Amino acid sequence: MSACVDCGSWAINHHLYGRDGSRPDLCDTCYWRLKAEKFRRDAERYRWLRDLPLGSKHEQIGNMPGDMWDAAIDAAMGEREGAT
């Protein structure tokens, strides 16, 4: 048995907590942190879209097909960040 390559923990349990056997070099915490990080950007996009004020010039993004959302939301979020 070896320690986690990220944090040094010995809590590596490939067969527990729903792990799929990938990344055997990571402890349970680092494994799930990595998995969650993959979805963080999507969560930020959808939260941004949900919180648009009524009458926003970006309101039409919610009516686009799902495969067009990501680029449109990223552009609008970048526009907003550039303004602040």
C-alpha atoms as a PDB file:
ATOM      1  CA  MET A   1       0.000   0.000   0.000  1.00  0.00           C
ATOM      2  CA  SER A   2       1.216   3.497  -0.790  1.00  0.00           C
ATOM      3  CA  ALA A   3       0.325   7.010   0.328  1.00  0.00           C
ATOM      4  CA  CYS A   4      -1.727   9.489  -1.703  1.00  0.00           C
ATOM      5  CA  VAL A   5       0.430  11.358  -4.210  1.00  0.00           C
ATOM      6  CA  ASP A   6      -1.419  14.633  -3.502  1.00  0.00           C
ATOM      7  CA  CYS A   7      -1.645  14.808   0.271  1.00  0.00           C
ATOM      8  CA  GLY A   8       0.233  11.818   1.721  1.00  0.00           C
ATOM      9  CA  SER A   9      -2.827  10.239   3.330  1.00  0.00           C
ATOM     10  CA  TRP A  10      -3.010   6.474   3.639  1.00  0.00           C
ATOM     11  CA  ALA A  11      -6.832   6.440   3.359  1.00  0.00           C
ATOM     12  CA  ILE A  12      -6.950   4.784  -0.070  1.00  0.00           C
ATOM     13  CA  ASN A  13      -9.971   2.481  -0.342  1.00  0.00           C
ATOM     14  CA  HIS A  14     -10.584   1.573  -3.984  1.00  0.00           C
ATOM     15  CA  HIS A  15     -13.434  -0.747  -3.120  1.00  0.00           C
ATOM     16  CA  LEU A  16     -15.406   1.626  -0.879  1.00  0.00           C
ATOM     17  CA  TYR A  17     -17.473   4.815  -1.180  1.00  0.00           C
ATOM     18  CA  GLY A  18     -18.444   4.330  -4.811  1.00  0.00           C
ATOM     19  CA  ARG A  19     -14.936   4.574  -6.231  1.00  0.00           C
ATOM     20  CA  ASP A  20     -14.627   3.166  -9.741  1.00  0.00           C
ATOM     21  CA  GLY A  21     -11.026   1.948  -9.480  1.00  0.00           C
ATOM     22  CA  SER A  22      -9.510   4.844 -11.391  1.00  0.00           C
ATOM     23  CA  ARG A  23      -6.729   6.968  -9.896  1.00  0.00           C
ATOM     24  CA  PRO A  24      -5.389   4.363  -7.461  1.00  0.00           C
ATOM     25  CA  ASP A  25      -2.699   6.872  -6.468  1.00  0.00           C
ATOM     26  CA  LEU A  26      -5.220   9.188  -4.729  1.00  0.00           C
ATOM     27  CA  CYS A  27      -6.777   8.906  -1.279  1.00  0.00           C
ATOM     28  CA  ASP A  28     -10.555   8.926  -1.011  1.00  0.00           C
ATOM     29  CA  THR A  29     -10.753  12.659  -0.291  1.00  0.00           C
ATOM     30  CA  CYS A  30      -8.454  13.708  -3.145  1.00  0.00           C
ATOM     31  CA  TYR A  31     -10.224  11.306  -5.525  1.00  0.00           C
ATOM     32  CA  TRP A  32     -13.652  12.821  -4.852  1.00  0.00           C
ATOM     33  CA  ARG A  33     -12.265  16.361  -4.869  1.00  0.00           C
ATOM     34  CA  LEU A  34     -10.875  15.712  -8.362  1.00  0.00           C
ATOM     35  CA  LYS A  35     -14.195  14.253  -9.527  1.00  0.00           C
ATOM     36  CA  ALA A  36     -16.134  17.228  -8.148  1.00  0.00           C
ATOM     37  CA  GLU A  37     -13.775  19.755  -9.737  1.00  0.00           C
ATOM     38  CA  LYS A  38     -14.756  18.469 -13.181  1.00  0.00           C
ATOM     39  CA  PHE A  39     -18.317  19.657 -12.557  1.00  0.00           C
ATOM     40  CA  ARG A  40     -17.515  22.962 -10.817  1.00  0.00           C
ATOM     41  CA  ARG A  41     -17.475  25.044 -14.012  1.00  0.00           C
ATOM     42  CA  ASP A  42     -20.857  23.689 -15.109  1.00  0.00           C
ATOM     43  CA  ALA A  43     -22.306  24.498 -11.697  1.00  0.00           C
ATOM     44  CA  GLU A  44     -20.968  28.060 -11.945  1.00  0.00           C
ATOM     45  CA  ARG A  45     -22.532  28.481 -15.405  1.00  0.00           C
ATOM     46  CA  TYR A  46     -25.965  27.258 -14.376  1.00  0.00           C
ATOM     47  CA  ARG A  47     -25.934  29.270 -11.154  1.00  0.00           C
ATOM     48  CA  TRP A  48     -25.059  32.395 -13.164  1.00  0.00           C
ATOM     49  CA  LEU A  49     -27.912  31.708 -15.604  1.00  0.00           C
ATOM     50  CA  ARG A  50     -30.365  31.030 -12.775  1.00  0.00           C
ATOM     51  CA  ASP A  51     -29.489  34.292 -11.021  1.00  0.00           C
ATOM     52  CA  LEU A  52     -29.841  36.610 -14.032  1.00  0.00           C
ATOM     53  CA  PRO A  53     -32.064  39.578 -13.210  1.00  0.00           C
ATOM     54  CA  LEU A  54     -35.317  39.885 -15.154  1.00  0.00           C
ATOM     55  CA  GLY A  55     -34.826  41.925 -18.284  1.00  0.00           C
ATOM     56  CA  SER A  56     -31.127  41.108 -18.548  1.00  0.00           C
ATOM     57  CA  LYS A  57     -29.695  41.346 -22.049  1.00  0.00           C
ATOM     58  CA  HIS A  58     -28.463  37.774 -21.556  1.00  0.00           C
ATOM     59  CA  GLU A  59     -31.885  36.353 -20.746  1.00  0.00           C
ATOM     60  CA  GLN A  60     -32.159  34.699 -24.181  1.00  0.00           C
ATOM     61  CA  ILE A  61     -29.367  32.274 -23.277  1.00  0.00           C
ATOM     62  CA  GLY A  62     -31.906  30.260 -21.284  1.00  0.00           C
ATOM     63  CA  ASN A  63     -33.870  29.634 -24.480  1.00  0.00           C
ATOM     64  CA  MET A  64     -30.889  28.260 -26.435  1.00  0.00           C
ATOM     65  CA  PRO A  65     -30.353  24.549 -27.000  1.00  0.00           C
ATOM     66  CA  GLY A  66     -28.220  23.077 -24.213  1.00  0.00           C
ATOM     67  CA  ASP A  67     -25.190  22.502 -26.417  1.00  0.00           C
ATOM     68  CA  MET A  68     -24.970  26.253 -27.106  1.00  0.00           C
ATOM     69  CA  TRP A  69     -25.187  27.353 -23.473  1.00  0.00           C
ATOM     70  CA  ASP A  70     -21.614  26.843 -22.365  1.00  0.00           C
ATOM     71  CA  ALA A  71     -19.964  29.157 -24.906  1.00  0.00           C
ATOM     72  CA  ALA A  72     -22.682  31.800 -24.589  1.00  0.00           C
ATOM     73  CA  ILE A  73     -22.600  31.774 -20.793  1.00  0.00           C
ATOM     74  CA  ASP A  74     -18.789  31.843 -20.721  1.00  0.00           C
ATOM     75  CA  ALA A  75     -18.802  34.873 -23.054  1.00  0.00           C
ATOM     76  CA  ALA A  76     -21.445  36.691 -20.996  1.00  0.00           C
ATOM     77  CA  MET A  77     -19.699  35.887 -17.721  1.00  0.00           C
ATOM     78  CA  GLY A  78     -16.414  37.153 -19.183  1.00  0.00           C
ATOM     79  CA  GLU A  79     -18.153  40.333 -20.303  1.00  0.00           C
ATOM     80  CA  ARG A  80     -19.468  40.863 -16.779  1.00  0.00           C
ATOM     81  CA  GLU A  81     -16.057  40.194 -15.201  1.00  0.00           C
ATOM     82  CA  GLY A  82     -14.458  42.665 -17.583  1.00  0.00           C
ATOM     83  CA  ALA A  83     -16.917  45.352 -16.471  1.00  0.00           C
ATOM     84  CA  THR A  84     -16.082  45.014 -12.763  1.00  0.00           C
END
